[in-house]
Amino acid sequence: MCERLSWGLQRSLETRDVYDDEGKDPAMSVADARKHLERASLLAQELATALSEAQTAINTQGYHPANV
């Protein structure tokens, strides 16, 4: 997802008349956004790994139902 967003932002600079309300260079803003998207992608991969490891740590657990 992050890669697609990054690609789309870069492509918009090539195919659209992009501007910035504050007068900044849109290419600089896109470059900054792309760096953040790359970091987000790496962090998402780390999160997925950590969640998988957490699930693996408890995948053989069960529970005894309470006697009601």
Protein backbone atom coordinates (compact mmCIF):
# COMPACT_ATOMS: atom_id res chain seq x y z
CA MET A 1 0.00 0.00 0.00
CA CYS A 2 2.75 2.46 0.93
CA GLU A 3 4.60 1.68 -2.30
CA ARG A 4 1.49 2.43 -4.34
CA LEU A 5 0.92 5.71 -2.54
CA SER A 6 4.55 6.66 -3.03
CA TRP A 7 4.39 5.81 -6.73
CA GLY A 8 1.14 7.76 -7.10
CA LEU A 9 2.60 10.85 -5.47
CA GLN A 10 5.64 10.75 -7.73
CA ARG A 11 3.49 10.12 -10.79
CA SER A 12 1.23 13.06 -9.92
CA LEU A 13 4.22 15.38 -10.22
CA GLU A 14 4.74 14.11 -13.75
CA THR A 15 1.12 14.14 -14.91
CA ARG A 16 -0.55 16.96 -12.97
CA ASP A 17 0.00 20.65 -12.37
CA VAL A 18 0.75 20.20 -8.66
CA TYR A 19 1.09 23.23 -6.39
CA ASP A 20 1.52 23.90 -2.68
CA ASP A 21 -0.69 26.41 -0.87
CA GLU A 22 2.30 27.63 1.13
CA GLY A 23 4.48 28.12 -1.94
CA LYS A 24 6.82 25.22 -1.17
CA ASP A 25 8.23 23.11 -3.97
CA PRO A 26 5.77 20.21 -4.41
CA ALA A 27 8.63 17.90 -5.39
CA MET A 28 10.24 18.46 -1.99
CA SER A 29 6.98 17.70 -0.18
CA VAL A 30 6.51 14.55 -2.23
CA ALA A 31 10.09 13.48 -1.50
CA ASP A 32 9.48 13.96 2.22
CA ALA A 33 6.20 12.05 2.05
CA ARG A 34 7.86 9.21 0.16
CA LYS A 35 10.55 8.90 2.86
CA HIS A 36 7.85 8.69 5.53
CA LEU A 37 5.90 6.12 3.50
CA GLU A 38 9.03 4.00 3.12
CA ARG A 39 9.55 4.11 6.90
CA ALA A 40 5.88 3.29 7.48
CA SER A 41 6.21 0.28 5.20
CA LEU A 42 9.22 -1.01 7.13
CA LEU A 43 7.46 -0.47 10.45
CA ALA A 44 4.37 -2.26 9.16
CA GLN A 45 6.53 -5.25 8.26
CA GLU A 46 8.03 -5.22 11.76
CA LEU A 47 4.55 -5.01 13.27
CA ALA A 48 3.34 -7.96 11.20
CA THR A 49 6.33 -10.01 12.31
CA ALA A 50 5.82 -9.11 15.97
CA LEU A 51 2.12 -9.96 15.84
CA SER A 52 2.86 -13.28 14.18
CA GLU A 53 5.45 -14.08 16.84
CA ALA A 54 2.98 -13.17 19.59
CA GLN A 55 0.38 -15.48 18.09
CA THR A 56 2.93 -18.27 17.74
CA ALA A 57 3.88 -17.88 21.41
CA ILE A 58 0.32 -18.75 22.50
CA ASN A 59 -0.93 -20.93 19.63
CA THR A 60 -1.01 -24.10 21.75
CA GLN A 61 -2.92 -22.59 24.64
CA GLY A 62 -6.49 -23.33 25.48
CA TYR A 63 -8.68 -22.91 28.53
CA HIS A 64 -10.73 -25.04 30.82
CA PRO A 65 -14.36 -23.92 30.92
CA ALA A 66 -15.61 -22.89 34.32
CA ASN A 67 -17.93 -25.36 36.02
CA VAL A 68 -21.25 -23.62 35.93
